[in-house]
Structures are given as C-alpha cells and as structure tokens.
C-alpha cells in the first residue's frame, strides 16, 4: 500500500505559484464569502488563508450572518465581485438551507472571477466543452493521479456521492480520460456490488467510515475526498485501517485531496488573471 501524499504535492504547486506571481508581478486577491457558521468550512477557509500567505496572494474574508436576507446578500455579493481589487471570488459551501440552491448566488460571480467553477455558466462550459481551468477538487484529484502515474483509461471508476463539489464535476473529466464511471447515491441499491468492482474508488459523500474493507477488492486505488469534523478532527469517508489492507494506493485524511484542492483553487486564480 502506498500513500498518495497530497500535502507534499500541494507544497510544490504553491512554491511554483509564488515564483510565477513574483516574476509576473501580479497583484492578486482571493475574496471568500462565508454565510453563517460551519466548522468544516472554517477549517478550509483557514487553509486557503495560509496558502495565500505562502504564495503572496492577498486574502479577504467577507462574513455574513445566517439571518441576512436573500436580497441583501445578493447586493453584498454584487458589490464584492464589482470591486477590481478582488481578483477571484468564491462562496464557501455549504451555505445555510434558506440560501439553497446556491446557484442563485454563485451565478452572480462572473466567469473571469469564478475560480471555483460554480456558476451555471462556468460549469456548463466546463461540462460540455471544457475550460482552461478545472473545478478545484477535480484538478486536485487528477493532479494526484497524474503525479503517481495512475492511468484512467479503461478503468472502472466508482464515485460515491453526487455532491456539487466532488461527484458531479468529476464525471465529465473521467469521461474525457476514457474511464468508465459509475455514480453511487443515497438511493443506490446494494452499493457494495458496485464498490467491489471498482479499480479506482473516489468518495465525496461526507460520511465517516462509509467505505470499509469488505466493500472493496484487493489492489483498489482509493481517493477519499470526503470531509467531516469528528471530535475536532477532520476525517474522511473511508475506514482507513480496514481499507488500507487491500488498497494499492490510498489518500490520507487530512493530507490528501484537501490541500491539493486549495492549491488548485489558487492555480485557477493565477491562470484567470495572467
């Protein structure tokens, strides 16, 4: 079993970005919009802030209470995206239920600042024709696979979860790489039937210990993109102890997909502002 070290790879990406920004004398700012309180979101916001500090990108957090009205929030987002100092704008997901579906708000971010690829316009282009940037989680996962020379063509890839950040955006890119994807959702009958057939299993359901050793075959490649806060610690969807006995490659949580997602987000910021 070999660990897929996302943290080490993310540090390389950030170092390269720092060099690019310094050489091109780019002045960049990442604007993060947070609505309400969410402990997991706070962990990721802190990671983004630290990554910005490492690369020389300015960081600004815009916090709004969950009680803010929809119209007022829209006006605030429009103000943030209009500010030329904000080079890239993201809305930290999830947002409180009263603001869902979140597309009503992510659609306010124009293409040139949508580094998360979350507006319907950006995502539609990515889905059907491709963009010069990838959704950050997708970018992180594919960078990891490429670095460790894991090929996708002809592989059975099972994706657990149909979330807006992991499951759904993965599908078009998997098809472009000639993989054979299967998506499991909460209504899938006998999910173990599918997971045992997976050459590569990618989970982004956000449910601790959802995937255990008896659900996978020997030699499987595991990408754990699920994140939940449990007793103050970030945990993934995979029961690492039992699954790692069978896996040929596996990502740790933390230290796997998470740091790479942040690095790829900043990579998108640089790419759209070159």
Protein backbone atom coordinates (compact mmCIF):
# COMPACT_ATOMS: atom_id res chain seq x y z
CA UNK A 1 0.00 0.00 0.00
CA UNK A 2 1.31 3.42 -1.00
CA UNK A 3 0.09 6.75 0.37
CA UNK A 4 -0.92 9.40 -2.16
CA UNK A 5 0.65 12.43 -0.49
CA UNK A 6 -1.44 15.45 -1.42
CA UNK A 7 0.21 17.71 1.11
CA UNK A 8 3.68 17.29 -0.34
CA UNK A 9 2.39 17.85 -3.89
CA UNK A 10 0.39 20.92 -2.82
CA UNK A 11 3.54 22.50 -1.37
CA UNK A 12 5.26 22.11 -4.75
CA UNK A 13 2.30 23.75 -6.53
CA UNK A 14 2.24 26.66 -4.06
CA UNK A 15 6.01 27.19 -4.39
CA UNK A 16 5.65 27.31 -8.16
CA UNK A 17 2.75 29.77 -7.90
CA UNK A 18 4.78 32.02 -5.62
CA UNK A 19 7.53 32.09 -8.25
CA UNK A 20 5.06 32.85 -11.07
CA UNK A 21 3.37 35.65 -9.13
CA UNK A 22 6.71 37.21 -8.19
CA UNK A 23 8.11 37.04 -11.74
CA UNK A 24 4.97 38.39 -13.42
CA UNK A 25 4.40 40.98 -10.63
CA UNK A 26 0.74 40.01 -10.41
CA UNK A 27 -1.28 41.65 -7.65
CA UNK A 28 -3.98 39.22 -6.66
CA UNK A 29 -6.63 38.96 -4.01
CA UNK A 30 -8.79 35.98 -3.11
CA UNK A 31 -12.19 37.07 -1.78
CA UNK A 32 -14.01 34.41 0.25
CA UNK A 33 -17.71 34.87 1.11
CA UNK A 34 -18.91 32.94 4.15
CA UNK A 35 -22.58 32.86 5.14
CA UNK A 36 -23.38 31.54 8.62
CA UNK A 37 -21.14 29.33 10.74
CA UNK A 38 -19.80 25.94 9.71
CA UNK A 39 -16.84 24.30 11.45
CA UNK A 40 -15.62 22.31 8.43
CA UNK A 41 -15.90 25.43 6.25
CA UNK A 42 -13.82 27.32 8.80
CA UNK A 43 -11.04 24.71 8.53
CA UNK A 44 -10.94 25.11 4.74
CA UNK A 45 -11.09 28.91 4.92
CA UNK A 46 -8.07 28.86 7.25
CA UNK A 47 -6.23 26.57 4.81
CA UNK A 48 -6.95 28.99 1.96
CA UNK A 49 -5.70 31.91 4.01
CA UNK A 50 -2.43 30.12 4.83
CA UNK A 51 -1.95 29.09 1.20
CA UNK A 52 -2.45 32.72 0.11
CA UNK A 53 0.17 33.86 2.62
CA UNK A 54 2.64 31.31 1.23
CA UNK A 55 2.18 32.47 -2.36
CA UNK A 56 1.96 36.24 -1.90
CA UNK A 57 -1.77 36.46 -2.66
CA UNK A 58 -3.89 38.88 -0.64
CA UNK A 59 -6.77 37.25 1.22
CA UNK A 60 -10.03 38.81 2.35
CA UNK A 61 -12.90 37.11 4.15
CA UNK A 62 -16.40 38.57 3.89
CA UNK A 63 -18.54 37.09 6.68
CA UNK A 64 -22.31 37.39 6.76
CA UNK A 65 -24.70 36.08 9.44
CA UNK A 66 -27.15 33.30 8.57
CA UNK A 67 -30.00 35.71 9.36
CA UNK A 68 -29.09 38.04 6.45
CA UNK A 69 -31.87 38.40 3.86
CA UNK A 70 -31.51 36.97 0.35
CA UNK A 71 -31.79 40.33 -1.37
CA UNK A 72 -29.27 41.94 0.95
CA UNK A 73 -26.82 39.06 0.45
CA UNK A 74 -27.13 39.37 -3.33
CA UNK A 75 -26.36 43.09 -3.15
CA UNK A 76 -23.29 42.42 -0.99
CA UNK A 77 -22.02 39.72 -3.40
CA UNK A 78 -22.52 42.05 -6.38
CA UNK A 79 -20.51 44.72 -4.56
CA UNK A 80 -17.68 42.24 -3.86
CA UNK A 81 -17.48 40.98 -7.46
CA UNK A 82 -17.51 44.52 -8.87
CA UNK A 83 -14.50 45.52 -6.77
CA UNK A 84 -11.47 45.32 -9.11
CA UNK A 85 -9.23 44.54 -6.11
CA UNK A 86 -10.95 41.14 -5.81
CA UNK A 87 -9.24 39.02 -8.48
CA UNK A 88 -11.16 35.83 -7.71
CA UNK A 89 -14.34 35.35 -5.68
CA UNK A 90 -15.69 32.20 -4.05
CA UNK A 91 -18.73 31.45 -1.93
CA UNK A 92 -17.72 28.94 0.72
CA UNK A 93 -20.08 25.98 0.59
CA UNK A 94 -22.25 24.75 2.16
CA UNK A 95 -24.49 27.76 2.75
CA UNK A 96 -27.45 27.67 5.17
CA UNK A 97 -30.53 25.87 3.77
CA UNK A 98 -32.53 29.04 3.18
CA UNK A 99 -29.90 30.09 0.59
CA UNK A 100 -30.15 26.84 -1.37
CA UNK A 101 -29.99 26.17 -4.24
CA UNK A 102 -26.72 28.12 -4.03
CA UNK A 103 -26.66 28.74 -7.81
CA UNK A 104 -28.86 31.76 -7.15
CA UNK A 105 -25.77 33.32 -5.55
CA UNK A 106 -22.85 31.63 -7.35
CA UNK A 107 -24.36 32.82 -10.66
CA UNK A 108 -23.55 36.38 -9.56
CA UNK A 109 -19.81 35.63 -9.96
CA UNK A 110 -18.59 36.43 -13.50
CA UNK A 111 -16.57 33.86 -15.49
CA UNK A 112 -13.28 35.74 -15.10
CA UNK A 113 -13.56 35.62 -11.29
CA UNK A 114 -15.24 32.21 -10.92
CA UNK A 115 -12.17 30.23 -9.82
CA UNK A 116 -14.38 27.59 -8.17
CA UNK A 117 -16.29 26.92 -11.44
CA UNK A 118 -19.59 27.07 -9.55
CA UNK A 119 -21.78 29.41 -11.61
CA UNK A 120 -24.12 27.66 -14.02
CA UNK A 121 -22.45 29.42 -16.95
CA UNK A 122 -18.90 28.35 -16.00
CA UNK A 123 -19.96 24.84 -15.03
CA UNK A 124 -21.99 24.43 -18.24
CA UNK A 125 -18.94 25.36 -20.32
CA UNK A 126 -16.74 23.01 -18.30
CA UNK A 127 -19.26 20.16 -18.60
CA UNK A 128 -19.84 20.36 -22.34
CA UNK A 129 -16.76 21.89 -23.93
CA UNK A 130 -14.14 22.17 -21.20
CA UNK A 131 -12.44 25.24 -19.70
CA UNK A 132 -8.81 26.23 -19.30
CA UNK A 133 -9.31 25.60 -15.57
CA UNK A 134 -10.83 22.64 -13.71
CA UNK A 135 -13.07 22.69 -10.63
CA UNK A 136 -10.50 22.65 -7.78
CA UNK A 137 -11.40 19.21 -6.34
CA UNK A 138 -11.28 17.68 -9.82
CA UNK A 139 -7.98 19.43 -10.52
CA UNK A 140 -6.54 18.14 -7.25
CA UNK A 141 -7.61 14.54 -7.81
CA UNK A 142 -6.35 14.44 -11.39
CA UNK A 143 -3.04 16.07 -10.44
CA UNK A 144 -2.57 13.37 -7.81
CA UNK A 145 -3.34 10.55 -10.25
CA UNK A 146 -1.01 12.03 -12.88
CA UNK A 147 1.85 12.53 -10.39
CA UNK A 148 1.66 8.91 -9.28
CA UNK A 149 1.28 7.73 -12.92
CA UNK A 150 -2.15 6.17 -12.33
CA UNK A 151 -3.93 5.83 -15.67
CA UNK A 152 -7.67 6.11 -16.02
CA UNK A 153 -8.43 4.81 -19.49
CA UNK A 154 -10.32 1.54 -19.37
CA UNK A 155 -10.60 1.62 -15.56
CA UNK A 156 -13.85 1.13 -13.64
CA UNK A 157 -14.11 4.28 -11.53
CA UNK A 158 -16.79 4.32 -8.85
CA UNK A 159 -17.73 7.75 -7.49
CA UNK A 160 -19.54 7.73 -4.15
CA UNK A 161 -21.79 10.79 -3.68
CA UNK A 162 -23.41 13.23 -6.07
CA UNK A 163 -22.28 16.46 -4.42
CA UNK A 164 -21.80 19.72 -6.28
CA UNK A 165 -18.10 19.92 -5.35
CA UNK A 166 -16.92 16.33 -5.90
CA UNK A 167 -19.26 13.79 -7.51
CA UNK A 168 -20.97 15.78 -10.26
CA UNK A 169 -17.92 17.71 -11.57
CA UNK A 170 -15.80 14.55 -11.67
CA UNK A 171 -17.94 12.78 -14.28
CA UNK A 172 -17.17 14.83 -17.43
CA UNK A 173 -13.43 14.75 -16.72
CA UNK A 174 -13.47 11.00 -16.12
CA UNK A 175 -15.23 10.55 -19.47
CA UNK A 176 -12.63 12.74 -21.18
CA UNK A 177 -9.95 10.43 -19.78
CA UNK A 178 -11.80 7.37 -21.19
CA UNK A 179 -12.57 5.89 -17.78
CA UNK A 180 -15.83 4.00 -17.15
CA UNK A 181 -17.54 5.90 -14.32
CA UNK A 182 -20.34 4.72 -12.04
CA UNK A 183 -22.02 7.05 -9.53
CA UNK A 184 -23.47 5.79 -6.26
CA UNK A 185 -26.05 7.92 -4.46
CA UNK A 186 -28.24 7.51 -1.37
CA UNK A 187 -30.85 5.58 -3.39
CA UNK A 188 -28.40 3.06 -4.90
CA UNK A 189 -29.42 -0.49 -4.01
CA UNK A 190 -26.61 -2.74 -2.80
CA UNK A 191 -23.76 -0.18 -3.18
CA UNK A 192 -21.18 -2.84 -2.24
CA UNK A 193 -21.93 -4.61 -5.53
CA UNK A 194 -20.52 -1.57 -7.36
CA UNK A 195 -17.70 -0.68 -4.96
CA UNK A 196 -16.26 -4.21 -5.16
CA UNK A 197 -15.94 -3.80 -8.94
CA UNK A 198 -14.02 -0.51 -8.65
CA UNK A 199 -10.45 -0.28 -9.92
CA UNK A 200 -10.49 3.27 -8.57
CA UNK A 201 -12.92 4.42 -5.88
CA UNK A 202 -13.46 8.14 -5.26
CA UNK A 203 -15.64 9.08 -2.31
CA UNK A 204 -17.01 12.53 -1.55
CA UNK A 205 -20.12 11.77 0.49
CA UNK A 206 -19.02 13.38 3.76
CA UNK A 207 -19.95 10.35 5.91
CA UNK A 208 -17.25 8.92 8.20
CA UNK A 209 -16.43 5.20 7.78
CA UNK A 210 -18.88 4.88 4.89
CA UNK A 211 -16.40 2.71 2.96
CA UNK A 212 -14.93 -0.28 4.81
CA UNK A 213 -12.51 -3.04 3.80
CA UNK A 214 -15.16 -5.62 2.89
CA UNK A 215 -16.62 -3.21 0.31
CA UNK A 216 -13.51 -3.07 -1.92
CA UNK A 217 -11.36 -5.50 -3.87
CA UNK A 218 -7.67 -6.23 -3.48
CA UNK A 219 -5.45 -3.67 -5.23
CA UNK A 220 -8.08 -0.93 -5.42
CA UNK A 221 -6.97 2.71 -5.64
CA UNK A 222 -8.75 4.87 -3.06
CA UNK A 223 -9.26 8.63 -3.33
CA UNK A 224 -11.00 9.90 -0.18
CA UNK A 225 -12.44 13.36 -0.86
CA UNK A 226 -14.97 13.28 1.97
CA UNK A 227 -14.51 15.62 4.91
CA UNK A 228 -16.31 15.64 8.23
CA UNK A 229 -15.31 17.14 11.56
CA UNK A 230 -15.38 14.46 14.26
CA UNK A 231 -14.25 15.23 17.81
CA UNK A 232 -12.40 18.28 16.49
CA UNK A 233 -10.54 16.33 13.78
CA UNK A 234 -11.05 16.11 10.02
CA UNK A 235 -11.99 12.60 8.92
CA UNK A 236 -12.82 11.14 5.53
CA UNK A 237 -15.41 8.68 4.20
CA UNK A 238 -13.04 5.72 4.26
CA UNK A 239 -12.24 3.46 7.21
CA UNK A 240 -8.50 3.80 6.65
CA UNK A 241 -7.46 0.87 8.82
CA UNK A 242 -9.50 -1.83 7.06
CA UNK A 243 -9.38 -0.38 3.52
CA UNK A 244 -5.61 0.26 3.51
CA UNK A 245 -5.03 -3.50 3.95
CA UNK A 246 -6.47 -4.03 0.46
CA UNK A 247 -5.60 -0.80 -1.34
CA UNK A 248 -2.59 -0.43 -3.64
CA UNK A 249 -2.81 3.37 -3.26
CA UNK A 250 -4.81 5.46 -0.79
CA UNK A 251 -5.12 9.12 0.19
CA UNK A 252 -4.93 10.07 3.86
CA UNK A 253 -7.39 12.49 5.52
CA UNK A 254 -6.14 15.05 6.28
CA UNK A 255 -3.20 15.45 3.91
CA UNK A 256 -4.69 14.01 0.73
CA UNK A 257 -7.22 15.74 -1.53
CA UNK A 258 -7.85 18.73 0.78
CA UNK A 259 -4.51 20.58 0.46
CA UNK A 260 -4.45 19.92 -3.29
CA UNK A 261 -7.92 21.40 -3.72
CA UNK A 262 -6.74 24.63 -2.10
CA UNK A 263 -3.57 24.69 -4.23
CA UNK A 264 -5.56 24.12 -7.43
CA UNK A 265 -8.01 26.88 -6.45
CA UNK A 266 -5.10 29.35 -6.27
CA UNK A 267 -3.71 27.93 -9.50
CA UNK A 268 -7.06 28.80 -11.12
CA UNK A 269 -6.81 32.32 -9.69
CA UNK A 270 -3.40 32.84 -11.28
CA UNK A 271 -4.49 31.28 -14.59
CA UNK A 272 -7.54 33.54 -14.95
CA UNK A 273 -5.51 36.65 -14.11
CA UNK A 274 -2.42 36.13 -16.28
